[in-house]
Structure formats: C-alpha cells, structure tokens
Amino acid sequence: KRYPSILKQIGIAKTEPGDENNQD
C-alpha cells in the first residue's frame, strides 16, 4: 500500500518539453 508522493515521484510526475532537436 503506497501513498502517491510529489517529492518521491511515486504515482505523481511532471514532464516538460525539452530541446526540439534532442528530445525523444
């Protein structure tokens, strides 16, 4: 049994766009 956590990135994550030339 786990609690989602922003700090530990458990069940919650953030993605941001990177450089257009090298992001995959």
PDBML (XML) file of the C-alpha atoms, coordinates in Angstrom:
<?xml version="1.0" encoding="UTF-8" ?>
<PDBx:datablock datablockName="MODEL"
   xmlns:PDBx="http://pdbml.pdb.org/schema/pdbx-v50.xsd"
   xmlns:xsi="http://www.w3.org/2001/XMLSchema-instance"
   xsi:schemaLocation="http://pdbml.pdb.org/schema/pdbx-v50.xsd pdbx-v50.xsd">
   <PDBx:atom_siteCategory>
      <PDBx:atom_site id="1">
         <PDBx:B_iso_or_equiv>0.00</PDBx:B_iso_or_equiv>
         <PDBx:Cartn_x>0.000</PDBx:Cartn_x>
         <PDBx:Cartn_y>0.000</PDBx:Cartn_y>
         <PDBx:Cartn_z>0.000</PDBx:Cartn_z>
         <PDBx:auth_asym_id>A</PDBx:auth_asym_id>
         <PDBx:auth_atom_id>CA</PDBx:auth_atom_id>
         <PDBx:auth_comp_id>LYS</PDBx:auth_comp_id>
         <PDBx:auth_seq_id>1</PDBx:auth_seq_id>
         <PDBx:group_PDB>ATOM</PDBx:group_PDB>
         <PDBx:label_alt_id xsi:nil="true" />
         <PDBx:label_asym_id>A</PDBx:label_asym_id>
         <PDBx:label_atom_id>CA</PDBx:label_atom_id>
         <PDBx:label_comp_id>LYS</PDBx:label_comp_id>
         <PDBx:label_entity_id>1</PDBx:label_entity_id>
         <PDBx:label_seq_id>1</PDBx:label_seq_id>
         <PDBx:occupancy>1.00</PDBx:occupancy>
         <PDBx:pdbx_PDB_model_num>1</PDBx:pdbx_PDB_model_num>
         <PDBx:type_symbol>C</PDBx:type_symbol>
      </PDBx:atom_site>
      <PDBx:atom_site id="2">
         <PDBx:B_iso_or_equiv>0.00</PDBx:B_iso_or_equiv>
         <PDBx:Cartn_x>1.641</PDBx:Cartn_x>
         <PDBx:Cartn_y>3.225</PDBx:Cartn_y>
         <PDBx:Cartn_z>-1.140</PDBx:Cartn_z>
         <PDBx:auth_asym_id>A</PDBx:auth_asym_id>
         <PDBx:auth_atom_id>CA</PDBx:auth_atom_id>
         <PDBx:auth_comp_id>ARG</PDBx:auth_comp_id>
         <PDBx:auth_seq_id>2</PDBx:auth_seq_id>
         <PDBx:group_PDB>ATOM</PDBx:group_PDB>
         <PDBx:label_alt_id xsi:nil="true" />
         <PDBx:label_asym_id>A</PDBx:label_asym_id>
         <PDBx:label_atom_id>CA</PDBx:label_atom_id>
         <PDBx:label_comp_id>ARG</PDBx:label_comp_id>
         <PDBx:label_entity_id>1</PDBx:label_entity_id>
         <PDBx:label_seq_id>2</PDBx:label_seq_id>
         <PDBx:occupancy>1.00</PDBx:occupancy>
         <PDBx:pdbx_PDB_model_num>1</PDBx:pdbx_PDB_model_num>
         <PDBx:type_symbol>C</PDBx:type_symbol>
      </PDBx:atom_site>
      <PDBx:atom_site id="3">
         <PDBx:B_iso_or_equiv>0.00</PDBx:B_iso_or_equiv>
         <PDBx:Cartn_x>0.749</PDBx:Cartn_x>
         <PDBx:Cartn_y>6.889</PDBx:Cartn_y>
         <PDBx:Cartn_z>-0.921</PDBx:Cartn_z>
         <PDBx:auth_asym_id>A</PDBx:auth_asym_id>
         <PDBx:auth_atom_id>CA</PDBx:auth_atom_id>
         <PDBx:auth_comp_id>TYR</PDBx:auth_comp_id>
         <PDBx:auth_seq_id>3</PDBx:auth_seq_id>
         <PDBx:group_PDB>ATOM</PDBx:group_PDB>
         <PDBx:label_alt_id xsi:nil="true" />
         <PDBx:label_asym_id>A</PDBx:label_asym_id>
         <PDBx:label_atom_id>CA</PDBx:label_atom_id>
         <PDBx:label_comp_id>TYR</PDBx:label_comp_id>
         <PDBx:label_entity_id>1</PDBx:label_entity_id>
         <PDBx:label_seq_id>3</PDBx:label_seq_id>
         <PDBx:occupancy>1.00</PDBx:occupancy>
         <PDBx:pdbx_PDB_model_num>1</PDBx:pdbx_PDB_model_num>
         <PDBx:type_symbol>C</PDBx:type_symbol>
      </PDBx:atom_site>
      <PDBx:atom_site id="4">
         <PDBx:B_iso_or_equiv>0.00</PDBx:B_iso_or_equiv>
         <PDBx:Cartn_x>1.429</PDBx:Cartn_x>
         <PDBx:Cartn_y>8.970</PDBx:Cartn_y>
         <PDBx:Cartn_z>-4.041</PDBx:Cartn_z>
         <PDBx:auth_asym_id>A</PDBx:auth_asym_id>
         <PDBx:auth_atom_id>CA</PDBx:auth_atom_id>
         <PDBx:auth_comp_id>PRO</PDBx:auth_comp_id>
         <PDBx:auth_seq_id>4</PDBx:auth_seq_id>
         <PDBx:group_PDB>ATOM</PDBx:group_PDB>
         <PDBx:label_alt_id xsi:nil="true" />
         <PDBx:label_asym_id>A</PDBx:label_asym_id>
         <PDBx:label_atom_id>CA</PDBx:label_atom_id>
         <PDBx:label_comp_id>PRO</PDBx:label_comp_id>
         <PDBx:label_entity_id>1</PDBx:label_entity_id>
         <PDBx:label_seq_id>4</PDBx:label_seq_id>
         <PDBx:occupancy>1.00</PDBx:occupancy>
         <PDBx:pdbx_PDB_model_num>1</PDBx:pdbx_PDB_model_num>
         <PDBx:type_symbol>C</PDBx:type_symbol>
      </PDBx:atom_site>
      <PDBx:atom_site id="5">
         <PDBx:B_iso_or_equiv>0.00</PDBx:B_iso_or_equiv>
         <PDBx:Cartn_x>4.179</PDBx:Cartn_x>
         <PDBx:Cartn_y>11.492</PDBx:Cartn_y>
         <PDBx:Cartn_z>-3.398</PDBx:Cartn_z>
         <PDBx:auth_asym_id>A</PDBx:auth_asym_id>
         <PDBx:auth_atom_id>CA</PDBx:auth_atom_id>
         <PDBx:auth_comp_id>SER</PDBx:auth_comp_id>
         <PDBx:auth_seq_id>5</PDBx:auth_seq_id>
         <PDBx:group_PDB>ATOM</PDBx:group_PDB>
         <PDBx:label_alt_id xsi:nil="true" />
         <PDBx:label_asym_id>A</PDBx:label_asym_id>
         <PDBx:label_atom_id>CA</PDBx:label_atom_id>
         <PDBx:label_comp_id>SER</PDBx:label_comp_id>
         <PDBx:label_entity_id>1</PDBx:label_entity_id>
         <PDBx:label_seq_id>5</PDBx:label_seq_id>
         <PDBx:occupancy>1.00</PDBx:occupancy>
         <PDBx:pdbx_PDB_model_num>1</PDBx:pdbx_PDB_model_num>
         <PDBx:type_symbol>C</PDBx:type_symbol>
      </PDBx:atom_site>
      <PDBx:atom_site id="6">
         <PDBx:B_iso_or_equiv>0.00</PDBx:B_iso_or_equiv>
         <PDBx:Cartn_x>5.264</PDBx:Cartn_x>
         <PDBx:Cartn_y>14.543</PDBx:Cartn_y>
         <PDBx:Cartn_z>-5.348</PDBx:Cartn_z>
         <PDBx:auth_asym_id>A</PDBx:auth_asym_id>
         <PDBx:auth_atom_id>CA</PDBx:auth_atom_id>
         <PDBx:auth_comp_id>ILE</PDBx:auth_comp_id>
         <PDBx:auth_seq_id>6</PDBx:auth_seq_id>
         <PDBx:group_PDB>ATOM</PDBx:group_PDB>
         <PDBx:label_alt_id xsi:nil="true" />
         <PDBx:label_asym_id>A</PDBx:label_asym_id>
         <PDBx:label_atom_id>CA</PDBx:label_atom_id>
         <PDBx:label_comp_id>ILE</PDBx:label_comp_id>
         <PDBx:label_entity_id>1</PDBx:label_entity_id>
         <PDBx:label_seq_id>6</PDBx:label_seq_id>
         <PDBx:occupancy>1.00</PDBx:occupancy>
         <PDBx:pdbx_PDB_model_num>1</PDBx:pdbx_PDB_model_num>
         <PDBx:type_symbol>C</PDBx:type_symbol>
      </PDBx:atom_site>
      <PDBx:atom_site id="7">
         <PDBx:B_iso_or_equiv>0.00</PDBx:B_iso_or_equiv>
         <PDBx:Cartn_x>8.666</PDBx:Cartn_x>
         <PDBx:Cartn_y>14.588</PDBx:Cartn_y>
         <PDBx:Cartn_z>-3.630</PDBx:Cartn_z>
         <PDBx:auth_asym_id>A</PDBx:auth_asym_id>
         <PDBx:auth_atom_id>CA</PDBx:auth_atom_id>
         <PDBx:auth_comp_id>LEU</PDBx:auth_comp_id>
         <PDBx:auth_seq_id>7</PDBx:auth_seq_id>
         <PDBx:group_PDB>ATOM</PDBx:group_PDB>
         <PDBx:label_alt_id xsi:nil="true" />
         <PDBx:label_asym_id>A</PDBx:label_asym_id>
         <PDBx:label_atom_id>CA</PDBx:label_atom_id>
         <PDBx:label_comp_id>LEU</PDBx:label_comp_id>
         <PDBx:label_entity_id>1</PDBx:label_entity_id>
         <PDBx:label_seq_id>7</PDBx:label_seq_id>
         <PDBx:occupancy>1.00</PDBx:occupancy>
         <PDBx:pdbx_PDB_model_num>1</PDBx:pdbx_PDB_model_num>
         <PDBx:type_symbol>C</PDBx:type_symbol>
      </PDBx:atom_site>
      <PDBx:atom_site id="8">
         <PDBx:B_iso_or_equiv>0.00</PDBx:B_iso_or_equiv>
         <PDBx:Cartn_x>9.442</PDBx:Cartn_x>
         <PDBx:Cartn_y>10.895</PDBx:Cartn_y>
         <PDBx:Cartn_z>-4.174</PDBx:Cartn_z>
         <PDBx:auth_asym_id>A</PDBx:auth_asym_id>
         <PDBx:auth_atom_id>CA</PDBx:auth_atom_id>
         <PDBx:auth_comp_id>LYS</PDBx:auth_comp_id>
         <PDBx:auth_seq_id>8</PDBx:auth_seq_id>
         <PDBx:group_PDB>ATOM</PDBx:group_PDB>
         <PDBx:label_alt_id xsi:nil="true" />
         <PDBx:label_asym_id>A</PDBx:label_asym_id>
         <PDBx:label_atom_id>CA</PDBx:label_atom_id>
         <PDBx:label_comp_id>LYS</PDBx:label_comp_id>
         <PDBx:label_entity_id>1</PDBx:label_entity_id>
         <PDBx:label_seq_id>8</PDBx:label_seq_id>
         <PDBx:occupancy>1.00</PDBx:occupancy>
         <PDBx:pdbx_PDB_model_num>1</PDBx:pdbx_PDB_model_num>
         <PDBx:type_symbol>C</PDBx:type_symbol>
      </PDBx:atom_site>
      <PDBx:atom_site id="9">
         <PDBx:B_iso_or_equiv>0.00</PDBx:B_iso_or_equiv>
         <PDBx:Cartn_x>7.774</PDBx:Cartn_x>
         <PDBx:Cartn_y>10.812</PDBx:Cartn_y>
         <PDBx:Cartn_z>-7.617</PDBx:Cartn_z>
         <PDBx:auth_asym_id>A</PDBx:auth_asym_id>
         <PDBx:auth_atom_id>CA</PDBx:auth_atom_id>
         <PDBx:auth_comp_id>GLN</PDBx:auth_comp_id>
         <PDBx:auth_seq_id>9</PDBx:auth_seq_id>
         <PDBx:group_PDB>ATOM</PDBx:group_PDB>
         <PDBx:label_alt_id xsi:nil="true" />
         <PDBx:label_asym_id>A</PDBx:label_asym_id>
         <PDBx:label_atom_id>CA</PDBx:label_atom_id>
         <PDBx:label_comp_id>GLN</PDBx:label_comp_id>
         <PDBx:label_entity_id>1</PDBx:label_entity_id>
         <PDBx:label_seq_id>9</PDBx:label_seq_id>
         <PDBx:occupancy>1.00</PDBx:occupancy>
         <PDBx:pdbx_PDB_model_num>1</PDBx:pdbx_PDB_model_num>
         <PDBx:type_symbol>C</PDBx:type_symbol>
      </PDBx:atom_site>
      <PDBx:atom_site id="10">
         <PDBx:B_iso_or_equiv>0.00</PDBx:B_iso_or_equiv>
         <PDBx:Cartn_x>5.562</PDBx:Cartn_x>
         <PDBx:Cartn_y>7.934</PDBx:Cartn_y>
         <PDBx:Cartn_z>-6.561</PDBx:Cartn_z>
         <PDBx:auth_asym_id>A</PDBx:auth_asym_id>
         <PDBx:auth_atom_id>CA</PDBx:auth_atom_id>
         <PDBx:auth_comp_id>ILE</PDBx:auth_comp_id>
         <PDBx:auth_seq_id>10</PDBx:auth_seq_id>
         <PDBx:group_PDB>ATOM</PDBx:group_PDB>
         <PDBx:label_alt_id xsi:nil="true" />
         <PDBx:label_asym_id>A</PDBx:label_asym_id>
         <PDBx:label_atom_id>CA</PDBx:label_atom_id>
         <PDBx:label_comp_id>ILE</PDBx:label_comp_id>
         <PDBx:label_entity_id>1</PDBx:label_entity_id>
         <PDBx:label_seq_id>10</PDBx:label_seq_id>
         <PDBx:occupancy>1.00</PDBx:occupancy>
         <PDBx:pdbx_PDB_model_num>1</PDBx:pdbx_PDB_model_num>
         <PDBx:type_symbol>C</PDBx:type_symbol>
      </PDBx:atom_site>
      <PDBx:atom_site id="11">
         <PDBx:B_iso_or_equiv>0.00</PDBx:B_iso_or_equiv>
         <PDBx:Cartn_x>2.404</PDBx:Cartn_x>
         <PDBx:Cartn_y>7.964</PDBx:Cartn_y>
         <PDBx:Cartn_z>-8.650</PDBx:Cartn_z>
         <PDBx:auth_asym_id>A</PDBx:auth_asym_id>
         <PDBx:auth_atom_id>CA</PDBx:auth_atom_id>
         <PDBx:auth_comp_id>GLY</PDBx:auth_comp_id>
         <PDBx:auth_seq_id>11</PDBx:auth_seq_id>
         <PDBx:group_PDB>ATOM</PDBx:group_PDB>
         <PDBx:label_alt_id xsi:nil="true" />
         <PDBx:label_asym_id>A</PDBx:label_asym_id>
         <PDBx:label_atom_id>CA</PDBx:label_atom_id>
         <PDBx:label_comp_id>GLY</PDBx:label_comp_id>
         <PDBx:label_entity_id>1</PDBx:label_entity_id>
         <PDBx:label_seq_id>11</PDBx:label_seq_id>
         <PDBx:occupancy>1.00</PDBx:occupancy>
         <PDBx:pdbx_PDB_model_num>1</PDBx:pdbx_PDB_model_num>
         <PDBx:type_symbol>C</PDBx:type_symbol>
      </PDBx:atom_site>
      <PDBx:atom_site id="12">
         <PDBx:B_iso_or_equiv>0.00</PDBx:B_iso_or_equiv>
         <PDBx:Cartn_x>2.929</PDBx:Cartn_x>
         <PDBx:Cartn_y>11.653</PDBx:Cartn_y>
         <PDBx:Cartn_z>-9.492</PDBx:Cartn_z>
         <PDBx:auth_asym_id>A</PDBx:auth_asym_id>
         <PDBx:auth_atom_id>CA</PDBx:auth_atom_id>
         <PDBx:auth_comp_id>ILE</PDBx:auth_comp_id>
         <PDBx:auth_seq_id>12</PDBx:auth_seq_id>
         <PDBx:group_PDB>ATOM</PDBx:group_PDB>
         <PDBx:label_alt_id xsi:nil="true" />
         <PDBx:label_asym_id>A</PDBx:label_asym_id>
         <PDBx:label_atom_id>CA</PDBx:label_atom_id>
         <PDBx:label_comp_id>ILE</PDBx:label_comp_id>
         <PDBx:label_entity_id>1</PDBx:label_entity_id>
         <PDBx:label_seq_id>12</PDBx:label_seq_id>
         <PDBx:occupancy>1.00</PDBx:occupancy>
         <PDBx:pdbx_PDB_model_num>1</PDBx:pdbx_PDB_model_num>
         <PDBx:type_symbol>C</PDBx:type_symbol>
      </PDBx:atom_site>
      <PDBx:atom_site id="13">
         <PDBx:B_iso_or_equiv>0.00</PDBx:B_iso_or_equiv>
         <PDBx:Cartn_x>5.307</PDBx:Cartn_x>
         <PDBx:Cartn_y>13.018</PDBx:Cartn_y>
         <PDBx:Cartn_z>-12.098</PDBx:Cartn_z>
         <PDBx:auth_asym_id>A</PDBx:auth_asym_id>
         <PDBx:auth_atom_id>CA</PDBx:auth_atom_id>
         <PDBx:auth_comp_id>ALA</PDBx:auth_comp_id>
         <PDBx:auth_seq_id>13</PDBx:auth_seq_id>
         <PDBx:group_PDB>ATOM</PDBx:group_PDB>
         <PDBx:label_alt_id xsi:nil="true" />
         <PDBx:label_asym_id>A</PDBx:label_asym_id>
         <PDBx:label_atom_id>CA</PDBx:label_atom_id>
         <PDBx:label_comp_id>ALA</PDBx:label_comp_id>
         <PDBx:label_entity_id>1</PDBx:label_entity_id>
         <PDBx:label_seq_id>13</PDBx:label_seq_id>
         <PDBx:occupancy>1.00</PDBx:occupancy>
         <PDBx:pdbx_PDB_model_num>1</PDBx:pdbx_PDB_model_num>
         <PDBx:type_symbol>C</PDBx:type_symbol>
      </PDBx:atom_site>
      <PDBx:atom_site id="14">
         <PDBx:B_iso_or_equiv>0.00</PDBx:B_iso_or_equiv>
         <PDBx:Cartn_x>5.911</PDBx:Cartn_x>
         <PDBx:Cartn_y>16.133</PDBx:Cartn_y>
         <PDBx:Cartn_z>-14.155</PDBx:Cartn_z>
         <PDBx:auth_asym_id>A</PDBx:auth_asym_id>
         <PDBx:auth_atom_id>CA</PDBx:auth_atom_id>
         <PDBx:auth_comp_id>LYS</PDBx:auth_comp_id>
         <PDBx:auth_seq_id>14</PDBx:auth_seq_id>
         <PDBx:group_PDB>ATOM</PDBx:group_PDB>
         <PDBx:label_alt_id xsi:nil="true" />
         <PDBx:label_asym_id>A</PDBx:label_asym_id>
         <PDBx:label_atom_id>CA</PDBx:label_atom_id>
         <PDBx:label_comp_id>LYS</PDBx:label_comp_id>
         <PDBx:label_entity_id>1</PDBx:label_entity_id>
         <PDBx:label_seq_id>14</PDBx:label_seq_id>
         <PDBx:occupancy>1.00</PDBx:occupancy>
         <PDBx:pdbx_PDB_model_num>1</PDBx:pdbx_PDB_model_num>
         <PDBx:type_symbol>C</PDBx:type_symbol>
      </PDBx:atom_site>
      <PDBx:atom_site id="15">
         <PDBx:B_iso_or_equiv>0.00</PDBx:B_iso_or_equiv>
         <PDBx:Cartn_x>7.198</PDBx:Cartn_x>
         <PDBx:Cartn_y>16.230</PDBx:Cartn_y>
         <PDBx:Cartn_z>-17.722</PDBx:Cartn_z>
         <PDBx:auth_asym_id>A</PDBx:auth_asym_id>
         <PDBx:auth_atom_id>CA</PDBx:auth_atom_id>
         <PDBx:auth_comp_id>THR</PDBx:auth_comp_id>
         <PDBx:auth_seq_id>15</PDBx:auth_seq_id>
         <PDBx:group_PDB>ATOM</PDBx:group_PDB>
         <PDBx:label_alt_id xsi:nil="true" />
         <PDBx:label_asym_id>A</PDBx:label_asym_id>
         <PDBx:label_atom_id>CA</PDBx:label_atom_id>
         <PDBx:label_comp_id>THR</PDBx:label_comp_id>
         <PDBx:label_entity_id>1</PDBx:label_entity_id>
         <PDBx:label_seq_id>15</PDBx:label_seq_id>
         <PDBx:occupancy>1.00</PDBx:occupancy>
         <PDBx:pdbx_PDB_model_num>1</PDBx:pdbx_PDB_model_num>
         <PDBx:type_symbol>C</PDBx:type_symbol>
      </PDBx:atom_site>
      <PDBx:atom_site id="16">
         <PDBx:B_iso_or_equiv>0.00</PDBx:B_iso_or_equiv>
         <PDBx:Cartn_x>8.354</PDBx:Cartn_x>
         <PDBx:Cartn_y>19.319</PDBx:Cartn_y>
         <PDBx:Cartn_z>-19.549</PDBx:Cartn_z>
         <PDBx:auth_asym_id>A</PDBx:auth_asym_id>
         <PDBx:auth_atom_id>CA</PDBx:auth_atom_id>
         <PDBx:auth_comp_id>GLU</PDBx:auth_comp_id>
         <PDBx:auth_seq_id>16</PDBx:auth_seq_id>
         <PDBx:group_PDB>ATOM</PDBx:group_PDB>
         <PDBx:label_alt_id xsi:nil="true" />
         <PDBx:label_asym_id>A</PDBx:label_asym_id>
         <PDBx:label_atom_id>CA</PDBx:label_atom_id>
         <PDBx:label_comp_id>GLU</PDBx:label_comp_id>
         <PDBx:label_entity_id>1</PDBx:label_entity_id>
         <PDBx:label_seq_id>16</PDBx:label_seq_id>
         <PDBx:occupancy>1.00</PDBx:occupancy>
         <PDBx:pdbx_PDB_model_num>1</PDBx:pdbx_PDB_model_num>
         <PDBx:type_symbol>C</PDBx:type_symbol>
      </PDBx:atom_site>
      <PDBx:atom_site id="17">
         <PDBx:B_iso_or_equiv>0.00</PDBx:B_iso_or_equiv>
         <PDBx:Cartn_x>9.211</PDBx:Cartn_x>
         <PDBx:Cartn_y>19.848</PDBx:Cartn_y>
         <PDBx:Cartn_z>-23.222</PDBx:Cartn_z>
         <PDBx:auth_asym_id>A</PDBx:auth_asym_id>
         <PDBx:auth_atom_id>CA</PDBx:auth_atom_id>
         <PDBx:auth_comp_id>PRO</PDBx:auth_comp_id>
         <PDBx:auth_seq_id>17</PDBx:auth_seq_id>
         <PDBx:group_PDB>ATOM</PDBx:group_PDB>
         <PDBx:label_alt_id xsi:nil="true" />
         <PDBx:label_asym_id>A</PDBx:label_asym_id>
         <PDBx:label_atom_id>CA</PDBx:label_atom_id>
         <PDBx:label_comp_id>PRO</PDBx:label_comp_id>
         <PDBx:label_entity_id>1</PDBx:label_entity_id>
         <PDBx:label_seq_id>17</PDBx:label_seq_id>
         <PDBx:occupancy>1.00</PDBx:occupancy>
         <PDBx:pdbx_PDB_model_num>1</PDBx:pdbx_PDB_model_num>
         <PDBx:type_symbol>C</PDBx:type_symbol>
      </PDBx:atom_site>
      <PDBx:atom_site id="18">
         <PDBx:B_iso_or_equiv>0.00</PDBx:B_iso_or_equiv>
         <PDBx:Cartn_x>12.944</PDBx:Cartn_x>
         <PDBx:Cartn_y>19.829</PDBx:Cartn_y>
         <PDBx:Cartn_z>-23.813</PDBx:Cartn_z>
         <PDBx:auth_asym_id>A</PDBx:auth_asym_id>
         <PDBx:auth_atom_id>CA</PDBx:auth_atom_id>
         <PDBx:auth_comp_id>GLY</PDBx:auth_comp_id>
         <PDBx:auth_seq_id>18</PDBx:auth_seq_id>
         <PDBx:group_PDB>ATOM</PDBx:group_PDB>
         <PDBx:label_alt_id xsi:nil="true" />
         <PDBx:label_asym_id>A</PDBx:label_asym_id>
         <PDBx:label_atom_id>CA</PDBx:label_atom_id>
         <PDBx:label_comp_id>GLY</PDBx:label_comp_id>
         <PDBx:label_entity_id>1</PDBx:label_entity_id>
         <PDBx:label_seq_id>18</PDBx:label_seq_id>
         <PDBx:occupancy>1.00</PDBx:occupancy>
         <PDBx:pdbx_PDB_model_num>1</PDBx:pdbx_PDB_model_num>
         <PDBx:type_symbol>C</PDBx:type_symbol>
      </PDBx:atom_site>
      <PDBx:atom_site id="19">
         <PDBx:B_iso_or_equiv>0.00</PDBx:B_iso_or_equiv>
         <PDBx:Cartn_x>15.073</PDBx:Cartn_x>
         <PDBx:Cartn_y>20.953</PDBx:Cartn_y>
         <PDBx:Cartn_z>-26.709</PDBx:Cartn_z>
         <PDBx:auth_asym_id>A</PDBx:auth_asym_id>
         <PDBx:auth_atom_id>CA</PDBx:auth_atom_id>
         <PDBx:auth_comp_id>ASP</PDBx:auth_comp_id>
         <PDBx:auth_seq_id>19</PDBx:auth_seq_id>
         <PDBx:group_PDB>ATOM</PDBx:group_PDB>
         <PDBx:label_alt_id xsi:nil="true" />
         <PDBx:label_asym_id>A</PDBx:label_asym_id>
         <PDBx:label_atom_id>CA</PDBx:label_atom_id>
         <PDBx:label_comp_id>ASP</PDBx:label_comp_id>
         <PDBx:label_entity_id>1</PDBx:label_entity_id>
         <PDBx:label_seq_id>19</PDBx:label_seq_id>
         <PDBx:occupancy>1.00</PDBx:occupancy>
         <PDBx:pdbx_PDB_model_num>1</PDBx:pdbx_PDB_model_num>
         <PDBx:type_symbol>C</PDBx:type_symbol>
      </PDBx:atom_site>
      <PDBx:atom_site id="20">
         <PDBx:B_iso_or_equiv>0.00</PDBx:B_iso_or_equiv>
         <PDBx:Cartn_x>13.271</PDBx:Cartn_x>
         <PDBx:Cartn_y>20.273</PDBx:Cartn_y>
         <PDBx:Cartn_z>-30.001</PDBx:Cartn_z>
         <PDBx:auth_asym_id>A</PDBx:auth_asym_id>
         <PDBx:auth_atom_id>CA</PDBx:auth_atom_id>
         <PDBx:auth_comp_id>GLU</PDBx:auth_comp_id>
         <PDBx:auth_seq_id>20</PDBx:auth_seq_id>
         <PDBx:group_PDB>ATOM</PDBx:group_PDB>
         <PDBx:label_alt_id xsi:nil="true" />
         <PDBx:label_asym_id>A</PDBx:label_asym_id>
         <PDBx:label_atom_id>CA</PDBx:label_atom_id>
         <PDBx:label_comp_id>GLU</PDBx:label_comp_id>
         <PDBx:label_entity_id>1</PDBx:label_entity_id>
         <PDBx:label_seq_id>20</PDBx:label_seq_id>
         <PDBx:occupancy>1.00</PDBx:occupancy>
         <PDBx:pdbx_PDB_model_num>1</PDBx:pdbx_PDB_model_num>
         <PDBx:type_symbol>C</PDBx:type_symbol>
      </PDBx:atom_site>
      <PDBx:atom_site id="21">
         <PDBx:B_iso_or_equiv>0.00</PDBx:B_iso_or_equiv>
         <PDBx:Cartn_x>16.448</PDBx:Cartn_x>
         <PDBx:Cartn_y>18.876</PDBx:Cartn_y>
         <PDBx:Cartn_z>-31.548</PDBx:Cartn_z>
         <PDBx:auth_asym_id>A</PDBx:auth_asym_id>
         <PDBx:auth_atom_id>CA</PDBx:auth_atom_id>
         <PDBx:auth_comp_id>ASN</PDBx:auth_comp_id>
         <PDBx:auth_seq_id>21</PDBx:auth_seq_id>
         <PDBx:group_PDB>ATOM</PDBx:group_PDB>
         <PDBx:label_alt_id xsi:nil="true" />
         <PDBx:label_asym_id>A</PDBx:label_asym_id>
         <PDBx:label_atom_id>CA</PDBx:label_atom_id>
         <PDBx:label_comp_id>ASN</PDBx:label_comp_id>
         <PDBx:label_entity_id>1</PDBx:label_entity_id>
         <PDBx:label_seq_id>21</PDBx:label_seq_id>
         <PDBx:occupancy>1.00</PDBx:occupancy>
         <PDBx:pdbx_PDB_model_num>1</PDBx:pdbx_PDB_model_num>
         <PDBx:type_symbol>C</PDBx:type_symbol>
      </PDBx:atom_site>
      <PDBx:atom_site id="22">
         <PDBx:B_iso_or_equiv>0.00</PDBx:B_iso_or_equiv>
         <PDBx:Cartn_x>17.305</PDBx:Cartn_x>
         <PDBx:Cartn_y>16.216</PDBx:Cartn_y>
         <PDBx:Cartn_z>-29.000</PDBx:Cartn_z>
         <PDBx:auth_asym_id>A</PDBx:auth_asym_id>
         <PDBx:auth_atom_id>CA</PDBx:auth_atom_id>
         <PDBx:auth_comp_id>ASN</PDBx:auth_comp_id>
         <PDBx:auth_seq_id>22</PDBx:auth_seq_id>
         <PDBx:group_PDB>ATOM</PDBx:group_PDB>
         <PDBx:label_alt_id xsi:nil="true" />
         <PDBx:label_asym_id>A</PDBx:label_asym_id>
         <PDBx:label_atom_id>CA</PDBx:label_atom_id>
         <PDBx:label_comp_id>ASN</PDBx:label_comp_id>
         <PDBx:label_entity_id>1</PDBx:label_entity_id>
         <PDBx:label_seq_id>22</PDBx:label_seq_id>
         <PDBx:occupancy>1.00</PDBx:occupancy>
         <PDBx:pdbx_PDB_model_num>1</PDBx:pdbx_PDB_model_num>
         <PDBx:type_symbol>C</PDBx:type_symbol>
      </PDBx:atom_site>
      <PDBx:atom_site id="23">
         <PDBx:B_iso_or_equiv>0.00</PDBx:B_iso_or_equiv>
         <PDBx:Cartn_x>14.128</PDBx:Cartn_x>
         <PDBx:Cartn_y>15.429</PDBx:Cartn_y>
         <PDBx:Cartn_z>-27.045</PDBx:Cartn_z>
         <PDBx:auth_asym_id>A</PDBx:auth_asym_id>
         <PDBx:auth_atom_id>CA</PDBx:auth_atom_id>
         <PDBx:auth_comp_id>GLN</PDBx:auth_comp_id>
         <PDBx:auth_seq_id>23</PDBx:auth_seq_id>
         <PDBx:group_PDB>ATOM</PDBx:group_PDB>
         <PDBx:label_alt_id xsi:nil="true" />
         <PDBx:label_asym_id>A</PDBx:label_asym_id>
         <PDBx:label_atom_id>CA</PDBx:label_atom_id>
         <PDBx:label_comp_id>GLN</PDBx:label_comp_id>
         <PDBx:label_entity_id>1</PDBx:label_entity_id>
         <PDBx:label_seq_id>23</PDBx:label_seq_id>
         <PDBx:occupancy>1.00</PDBx:occupancy>
         <PDBx:pdbx_PDB_model_num>1</PDBx:pdbx_PDB_model_num>
         <PDBx:type_symbol>C</PDBx:type_symbol>
      </PDBx:atom_site>
      <PDBx:atom_site id="24">
         <PDBx:B_iso_or_equiv>0.00</PDBx:B_iso_or_equiv>
         <PDBx:Cartn_x>12.842</PDBx:Cartn_x>
         <PDBx:Cartn_y>11.894</PDBx:Cartn_y>
         <PDBx:Cartn_z>-27.522</PDBx:Cartn_z>
         <PDBx:auth_asym_id>A</PDBx:auth_asym_id>
         <PDBx:auth_atom_id>CA</PDBx:auth_atom_id>
         <PDBx:auth_comp_id>ASP</PDBx:auth_comp_id>
         <PDBx:auth_seq_id>24</PDBx:auth_seq_id>
         <PDBx:group_PDB>ATOM</PDBx:group_PDB>
         <PDBx:label_alt_id xsi:nil="true" />
         <PDBx:label_asym_id>A</PDBx:label_asym_id>
         <PDBx:label_atom_id>CA</PDBx:label_atom_id>
         <PDBx:label_comp_id>ASP</PDBx:label_comp_id>
         <PDBx:label_entity_id>1</PDBx:label_entity_id>
         <PDBx:label_seq_id>24</PDBx:label_seq_id>
         <PDBx:occupancy>1.00</PDBx:occupancy>
         <PDBx:pdbx_PDB_model_num>1</PDBx:pdbx_PDB_model_num>
         <PDBx:type_symbol>C</PDBx:type_symbol>
      </PDBx:atom_site>
   </PDBx:atom_siteCategory>
</PDBx:datablock>
